[in-house]
Amino acid sequence: MTESPICFDRPRRLRCGKCRHEWHVTAEWLEKFDQALEGCPLCGTDCRSEGHPNFCAEPESRWHDDTALRESYWYHSSTHENWPDKNFDPAADITDVTKRRFDAMGLSVEDWAARQESKALHVGTYEAAIENTLRRLDDHRGALDQFYLYRVQLTSDCVIEPGVHPKPTDWVGNAYLAGVLTSGSTVLRYVNVHEDPSSISLALEPVAIRAVQSIPIPLTVDAREPWVLDATARLVRASSEPPLQPADVRQRWHYQQMSALESEVRRLESEISAELPARLRRRFRTGFNDAGFDAAAPAAFPVMLIGLAHLITDAQSVLQALGLQPWRSVS
C-alpha cells in the first residue's frame, strides 16, 4: 500500500468554464478570485460569470490509474465511532412523533431508511479528511463533538468507473451511485471542489472497502505546554467578565452582544491559525461558545485547539498513531 505525500498548501488546478483553459493558482490568487479581482488569464472570466473557473483534477495524478488507486491509502473523517457500520439502522432513533409526520406526508419509514442506506460512502486524501473536520466544526458548531480519522484500504478487486466525474450529489448534498455507475462498478472518482480542492476523491459502495484503521482526533496534547497554560488562564479570566459592548452608546442598540469568553476564544483561534497555510486560516473556527466551556476542565479547549492545528502541521505524528491501530475488516 502507498501513502501519498501530504501538502496542504500546494497550488490548485483550475479550468475555465468558458474557454476551457487550465492553470495552477495559489491560495492568495484564489482569495482575490473570490472577490472578483482575478479571472481566467486567457479570457478574463471571473467568479461572477456563469462559466466561471472551477477546480479540476491534475492530469498527472497517479489516481487516474486503477491499480494505483486500489493500492493507495484513503481517508475519511466522521463523528461516527464505527464507520462504516454494517449494522447501521438509520431508523433506530426515529421517534413516534417523526413516524406520524412520515405518515402525514404519505412517506414510509422503511423507504426512507432504505434511501439512507443507499447513500454513497466518501473517502479522499488525508488533507481532504482533515479539512472536512474543520468545515464541520465551523458550519455545524460542533466543538463538543468527538471526531474520528479513518485510514481506508480498498478491496483488490473493486471495480472502478472509468474517468473522473463531478461529485454525484443531489440538491441537499447527498450522494447516490444508483444510476451513476455502470453495471458492476462500485467506485466513482470525482473532483473534490470543497476539501483539498482539485484533488481526486472517491464515492463508493461499502463492498469496495476491505478494512479501516481509526483514531480519535485531534491527538492529545500536553496541557502543561506554555501556550496552553496561558490560554487557559485567559479563558478563566474571560469567563467571569461581563459581555463586551461598543464604547459608543449610540451603537449598542444594533450591537449583538458577544461574551468576553467567546471573544477570547476567537482571539485564540486567530493566534493558532496564523501558523497555518493561508487557505485554511478562515476555516479554523471551532464553533466553540460559552456553553462548551467547562470550568472544571478549562484547559480542554486550548488542548483541542492545539491538537487541531497539529493535524495540519504535524501530519506524520497522526499517521504514526494510525499505524499503531489494528485493521478492522469491513468487506
Protein backbone atom coordinates (compact mmCIF):
# COMPACT_ATOMS: atom_id res chain seq x y z
CA MET A 1 0.00 0.00 0.00
CA THR A 2 1.14 3.53 -0.80
CA GLU A 3 0.97 6.64 1.39
CA SER A 4 0.70 9.88 -0.59
CA PRO A 5 2.81 12.95 0.25
CA ILE A 6 0.86 15.43 2.37
CA CYS A 7 0.83 19.13 1.46
CA PHE A 8 -1.98 21.47 2.50
CA ASP A 9 -0.50 24.45 0.68
CA ARG A 10 0.17 23.16 -2.81
CA PRO A 11 -1.05 25.06 -5.91
CA ARG A 12 -4.55 24.18 -7.14
CA ARG A 13 -5.60 23.47 -10.72
CA LEU A 14 -8.46 25.41 -12.28
CA ARG A 15 -10.33 25.04 -15.55
CA CYS A 16 -12.21 27.95 -17.08
CA GLY A 17 -15.80 27.01 -17.83
CA LYS A 18 -15.87 29.40 -20.78
CA CYS A 19 -12.63 28.89 -22.73
CA ARG A 20 -11.52 25.59 -21.03
CA HIS A 21 -8.05 26.95 -20.25
CA GLU A 22 -6.34 25.15 -17.31
CA TRP A 23 -3.72 26.58 -14.99
CA HIS A 24 -2.40 26.46 -11.40
CA VAL A 25 -3.23 29.04 -8.75
CA THR A 26 -2.10 29.88 -5.24
CA ALA A 27 -4.19 30.50 -2.12
CA GLU A 28 -3.57 34.24 -2.49
CA TRP A 29 -4.85 34.17 -6.09
CA LEU A 30 -7.99 32.29 -5.03
CA GLU A 31 -8.73 34.86 -2.34
CA LYS A 32 -8.60 37.63 -4.96
CA PHE A 33 -10.67 35.49 -7.34
CA ASP A 34 -13.42 35.17 -4.72
CA GLN A 35 -13.53 38.99 -4.63
CA ALA A 36 -13.73 39.22 -8.45
CA LEU A 37 -10.26 40.76 -8.52
CA GLU A 38 -8.81 37.92 -10.64
CA GLY A 39 -10.11 35.88 -13.54
CA CYS A 40 -9.07 33.43 -16.23
CA PRO A 41 -5.69 34.59 -17.58
CA LEU A 42 -6.81 33.71 -21.11
CA CYS A 43 -10.33 35.13 -21.41
CA GLY A 44 -10.80 37.10 -18.16
CA THR A 45 -13.87 35.17 -16.93
CA ASP A 46 -14.22 35.75 -13.17
CA CYS A 47 -16.31 34.34 -10.31
CA ARG A 48 -19.38 36.37 -11.29
CA SER A 49 -19.82 34.64 -14.65
CA GLU A 50 -21.91 31.55 -15.28
CA GLY A 51 -18.95 29.76 -16.84
CA HIS A 52 -16.58 30.76 -14.04
CA PRO A 53 -13.35 28.82 -13.49
CA ASN A 54 -13.61 25.84 -11.14
CA PHE A 55 -11.30 23.18 -9.74
CA CYS A 56 -10.31 20.24 -11.92
CA ALA A 57 -8.17 17.15 -11.37
CA GLU A 58 -4.47 17.05 -12.11
CA PRO A 59 -3.96 15.12 -15.36
CA GLU A 60 -0.71 13.70 -13.96
CA SER A 61 -2.36 12.28 -10.82
CA ARG A 62 -1.49 8.62 -10.37
CA TRP A 63 -5.08 8.01 -9.28
CA HIS A 64 -6.17 8.03 -12.91
CA ASP A 65 -4.63 4.55 -12.91
CA ASP A 66 -6.97 1.96 -11.39
CA THR A 67 -4.20 -0.18 -9.93
CA ALA A 68 -2.55 2.77 -8.18
CA LEU A 69 -5.94 3.85 -6.85
CA ARG A 70 -6.59 0.41 -5.31
CA GLU A 71 -3.09 0.29 -3.81
CA SER A 72 -3.28 3.71 -2.12
CA TYR A 73 -4.45 4.57 1.37
CA TRP A 74 -7.58 6.73 1.52
CA TYR A 75 -9.00 8.78 4.38
CA HIS A 76 -12.31 9.71 5.93
CA SER A 77 -13.29 11.76 9.00
CA SER A 78 -16.54 11.36 10.89
CA THR A 79 -18.23 11.72 14.26
CA HIS A 80 -19.27 8.05 13.97
CA GLU A 81 -17.03 5.81 16.05
CA ASN A 82 -17.66 2.68 14.00
CA TRP A 83 -17.66 3.96 10.39
CA PRO A 84 -18.64 2.26 8.14
CA ASP A 85 -21.08 0.32 10.31
CA LYS A 86 -22.50 -2.72 8.50
CA ASN A 87 -25.27 -2.92 11.11
CA PHE A 88 -26.24 0.75 10.88
CA ASP A 89 -30.01 1.23 11.16
CA PRO A 90 -30.98 4.79 10.12
CA ALA A 91 -34.48 4.28 11.55
CA ALA A 92 -33.30 3.20 15.00
CA ASP A 93 -33.65 6.66 16.58
CA ILE A 94 -36.85 7.73 14.84
CA THR A 95 -39.48 8.72 17.39
CA ASP A 96 -43.21 8.04 17.23
CA VAL A 97 -43.75 11.73 16.53
CA THR A 98 -41.48 11.55 13.48
CA LYS A 99 -43.22 8.39 12.30
CA ARG A 100 -46.57 10.17 12.44
CA ARG A 101 -45.09 13.01 10.41
CA PHE A 102 -43.91 10.50 7.81
CA ASP A 103 -47.43 9.05 7.69
CA ALA A 104 -48.98 12.50 7.32
CA MET A 105 -46.74 13.18 4.32
CA GLY A 106 -47.54 9.82 2.77
CA LEU A 107 -43.98 8.59 3.28
CA SER A 108 -42.76 5.22 4.50
CA VAL A 109 -40.13 4.98 7.23
CA GLU A 110 -38.89 1.82 5.56
CA ASP A 111 -38.45 3.54 2.20
CA TRP A 112 -36.70 6.49 3.88
CA ALA A 113 -34.33 4.12 5.73
CA ALA A 114 -33.55 2.23 2.53
CA ARG A 115 -32.74 5.55 0.85
CA GLN A 116 -30.39 6.47 3.71
CA GLU A 117 -28.64 3.12 3.47
CA SER A 118 -28.08 3.63 -0.26
CA LYS A 119 -26.02 6.78 0.22
CA ALA A 120 -22.50 6.55 -1.13
CA LEU A 121 -19.54 6.49 1.24
CA HIS A 122 -16.78 9.02 0.65
CA VAL A 123 -13.01 8.78 1.01
CA GLY A 124 -10.29 11.15 -0.13
CA THR A 125 -6.84 12.45 0.65
CA TYR A 126 -5.59 12.95 4.19
CA GLU A 127 -5.87 16.69 3.57
CA ALA A 128 -9.49 16.38 2.46
CA ALA A 129 -10.40 14.38 5.58
CA ILE A 130 -8.87 16.99 7.90
CA GLU A 131 -10.46 19.87 6.01
CA ASN A 132 -13.81 18.09 6.28
CA THR A 133 -13.39 18.07 10.05
CA LEU A 134 -12.63 21.81 10.06
CA ARG A 135 -15.62 22.53 7.82
CA ARG A 136 -17.98 20.60 10.07
CA LEU A 137 -16.65 22.33 13.17
CA ASP A 138 -17.19 25.71 11.53
CA ASP A 139 -20.50 25.02 9.78
CA HIS A 140 -22.23 22.98 12.46
CA ARG A 141 -20.69 24.47 15.61
CA GLY A 142 -19.52 21.02 16.60
CA ALA A 143 -16.78 21.88 19.07
CA LEU A 144 -18.20 19.38 21.57
CA ASP A 145 -18.36 16.52 19.06
CA GLN A 146 -15.76 13.76 19.05
CA PHE A 147 -14.27 13.21 15.59
CA TYR A 148 -12.50 10.13 14.26
CA LEU A 149 -9.99 9.78 11.44
CA TYR A 150 -10.11 6.63 9.32
CA ARG A 151 -7.43 5.20 7.04
CA VAL A 152 -9.02 3.03 4.38
CA GLN A 153 -7.89 0.10 2.24
CA LEU A 154 -9.97 -0.75 -0.82
CA THR A 155 -10.58 -4.30 -1.92
CA SER A 156 -8.14 -5.51 -4.56
CA ASP A 157 -10.97 -6.39 -6.93
CA CYS A 158 -13.20 -3.31 -6.57
CA VAL A 159 -14.50 -2.15 -9.96
CA ILE A 160 -13.74 1.50 -10.73
CA GLU A 161 -15.86 3.59 -13.05
CA PRO A 162 -13.72 4.99 -15.90
CA GLY A 163 -12.86 8.68 -15.83
CA VAL A 164 -13.04 11.46 -13.26
CA HIS A 165 -16.51 12.90 -12.69
CA PRO A 166 -18.30 15.73 -10.88
CA LYS A 167 -19.41 14.81 -7.37
CA PRO A 168 -22.73 12.91 -7.69
CA THR A 169 -24.81 14.89 -5.19
CA ASP A 170 -28.47 15.87 -5.05
CA TRP A 171 -29.82 19.31 -4.11
CA VAL A 172 -29.18 18.74 -0.39
CA GLY A 173 -25.69 17.35 -0.86
CA ASN A 174 -26.37 13.61 -0.53
CA ALA A 175 -24.59 11.31 -2.98
CA TYR A 176 -26.25 8.27 -4.51
CA LEU A 177 -24.50 6.00 -7.00
CA ALA A 178 -27.56 4.26 -8.42
CA GLY A 179 -27.96 5.48 -11.97
CA VAL A 180 -24.44 6.93 -12.00
CA LEU A 181 -22.28 3.81 -12.05
CA THR A 182 -22.29 1.42 -14.97
CA SER A 183 -23.08 -2.22 -14.29
CA GLY A 184 -20.63 -3.83 -11.88
CA SER A 185 -18.78 -0.66 -10.79
CA THR A 186 -18.52 0.13 -7.08
CA VAL A 187 -16.16 3.14 -7.08
CA LEU A 188 -16.56 6.57 -8.70
CA ARG A 189 -13.68 9.03 -8.96
CA TYR A 190 -14.70 12.67 -8.63
CA VAL A 191 -13.06 16.08 -8.37
CA ASN A 192 -13.25 17.43 -4.84
CA VAL A 193 -14.02 21.15 -5.09
CA HIS A 194 -14.55 21.78 -1.36
CA GLU A 195 -11.86 19.95 0.65
CA ASP A 196 -8.31 19.71 -0.69
CA PRO A 197 -9.73 21.25 -3.90
CA SER A 198 -8.62 19.81 -7.26
CA SER A 199 -7.75 16.51 -5.57
CA ILE A 200 -9.45 13.25 -6.51
CA SER A 201 -11.88 11.74 -4.01
CA LEU A 202 -13.98 8.59 -4.23
CA ALA A 203 -17.68 7.88 -3.83
CA LEU A 204 -18.09 4.17 -3.28
CA GLU A 205 -20.26 1.30 -2.24
CA PRO A 206 -19.43 -0.29 1.17
CA VAL A 207 -18.35 -3.53 -0.56
CA ALA A 208 -15.39 -1.64 -2.06
CA ILE A 209 -13.78 -1.18 1.38
CA ARG A 210 -11.61 -4.04 2.67
CA ALA A 211 -10.55 -2.64 6.07
CA VAL A 212 -10.05 0.53 8.11
CA GLN A 213 -7.86 1.83 10.91
CA SER A 214 -9.12 4.64 13.14
CA ILE A 215 -8.11 7.05 15.89
CA PRO A 216 -9.99 9.79 17.74
CA ILE A 217 -8.89 13.26 16.65
CA PRO A 218 -7.36 15.59 17.49
CA LEU A 219 -4.48 13.82 19.22
CA THR A 220 -3.89 14.52 22.90
CA VAL A 221 -1.66 17.48 23.69
CA ASP A 222 0.23 18.06 26.93
CA ALA A 223 -1.80 20.54 28.99
CA ARG A 224 1.46 21.79 30.52
CA GLU A 225 2.62 23.40 27.28
CA PRO A 226 3.27 27.14 27.90
CA TRP A 227 0.72 28.34 25.32
CA VAL A 228 -1.95 26.01 26.75
CA LEU A 229 -1.31 27.27 30.29
CA ASP A 230 -1.51 30.90 29.16
CA ALA A 231 -4.62 30.31 27.04
CA THR A 232 -6.34 28.50 29.91
CA ALA A 233 -5.69 31.41 32.28
CA ARG A 234 -7.09 33.84 29.70
CA LEU A 235 -10.26 31.79 29.27
CA VAL A 236 -10.80 31.53 33.03
CA ARG A 237 -10.48 35.32 33.38
CA ALA A 238 -12.79 35.97 30.43
CA SER A 239 -15.44 33.59 31.78
CA SER A 240 -16.04 35.92 34.74
CA GLU A 241 -16.05 39.20 32.79
CA PRO A 242 -19.20 41.00 31.57
CA PRO A 243 -20.15 40.97 27.86
CA LEU A 244 -18.23 43.36 25.63
CA GLN A 245 -20.06 46.43 24.36
CA PRO A 246 -19.13 49.25 21.95
CA ALA A 247 -17.74 52.35 23.61
CA ASP A 248 -20.20 54.47 21.59
CA VAL A 249 -23.57 54.19 23.37
CA ARG A 250 -25.39 55.00 20.11
CA GLN A 251 -24.14 51.72 18.57
CA ARG A 252 -25.38 49.45 21.36
CA TRP A 253 -28.94 49.28 20.04
CA HIS A 254 -27.74 47.45 16.92
CA TYR A 255 -24.96 45.52 18.63
CA GLN A 256 -25.23 41.76 19.04
CA GLN A 257 -23.53 41.01 22.31
CA MET A 258 -20.55 38.67 22.32
CA SER A 259 -19.43 37.40 25.69
CA ALA A 260 -15.92 38.13 26.86
CA LEU A 261 -15.30 34.36 26.83
CA GLU A 262 -16.35 33.92 23.20
CA SER A 263 -14.30 36.94 22.21
CA GLU A 264 -11.25 35.40 23.87
CA VAL A 265 -11.92 32.12 22.05
CA ARG A 266 -11.89 33.96 18.71
CA ARG A 267 -8.54 35.55 19.62
CA LEU A 268 -7.05 32.16 20.50
CA GLU A 269 -8.26 30.68 17.21
CA SER A 270 -6.66 33.56 15.31
CA GLU A 271 -3.35 33.10 17.12
CA ILE A 272 -3.17 29.42 16.22
CA SER A 273 -4.48 29.80 12.68
CA ALA A 274 -1.79 32.39 11.91
CA GLU A 275 0.69 29.49 11.80
CA LEU A 276 -1.38 27.52 9.27
CA PRO A 277 -1.38 27.65 5.46
CA ALA A 278 -3.20 30.78 4.26
CA ARG A 279 -6.05 28.85 2.62
CA LEU A 280 -7.04 27.19 5.93
CA ARG A 281 -6.99 30.22 8.21
CA ARG A 282 -10.58 31.25 7.53
CA ARG A 283 -11.73 27.68 8.14
CA PHE A 284 -10.05 27.39 11.51
CA ARG A 285 -13.18 28.17 13.53
CA THR A 286 -14.35 25.65 16.09
CA GLY A 287 -17.90 26.82 16.77
CA PHE A 288 -16.99 26.96 20.47
CA ASN A 289 -19.20 29.14 22.66
CA ASP A 290 -19.93 29.74 26.34
CA ALA A 291 -21.98 26.55 26.64
CA GLY A 292 -18.94 24.49 25.74
CA PHE A 293 -16.72 25.93 28.46
CA ASP A 294 -16.10 23.55 31.33
CA ALA A 295 -14.94 25.49 34.38
CA ALA A 296 -13.83 22.20 35.97
CA ALA A 297 -11.54 21.47 32.99
CA PRO A 298 -10.70 24.87 31.48
CA ALA A 299 -7.67 23.55 29.57
CA ALA A 300 -9.83 21.31 27.39
CA PHE A 301 -10.42 23.91 24.68
CA PRO A 302 -6.80 25.11 24.31
CA VAL A 303 -5.68 21.46 24.20
CA MET A 304 -8.21 20.74 21.46
CA LEU A 305 -7.19 23.85 19.53
CA ILE A 306 -3.50 22.91 19.52
CA GLY A 307 -4.44 19.35 18.63
CA LEU A 308 -6.46 20.51 15.61
CA ALA A 309 -3.53 22.58 14.37
CA HIS A 310 -1.21 19.58 14.74
CA LEU A 311 -3.44 17.60 12.36
CA ILE A 312 -2.16 20.04 9.73
CA THR A 313 1.33 20.94 10.91
CA ASP A 314 2.39 17.51 12.23
CA ALA A 315 0.58 15.03 9.99
CA GLN A 316 3.34 12.44 10.34
CA SER A 317 2.59 12.03 14.05
CA VAL A 318 -1.05 11.43 13.15
CA LEU A 319 -0.09 8.77 10.60
CA GLN A 320 2.19 7.11 13.15
CA ALA A 321 -0.68 6.99 15.65
CA LEU A 322 -2.91 5.43 13.00
CA GLY A 323 -0.21 2.89 12.18
CA LEU A 324 -0.35 1.56 15.74
CA GLN A 325 -4.03 0.66 15.42
CA PRO A 326 -5.34 -2.73 14.24
CA TRP A 327 -7.13 -3.06 10.94
CA ARG A 328 -10.88 -3.69 11.19
CA SER A 329 -12.32 -5.79 8.39
CA VAL A 330 -15.29 -4.24 6.59
CA SER A 331 -15.92 -6.32 3.49
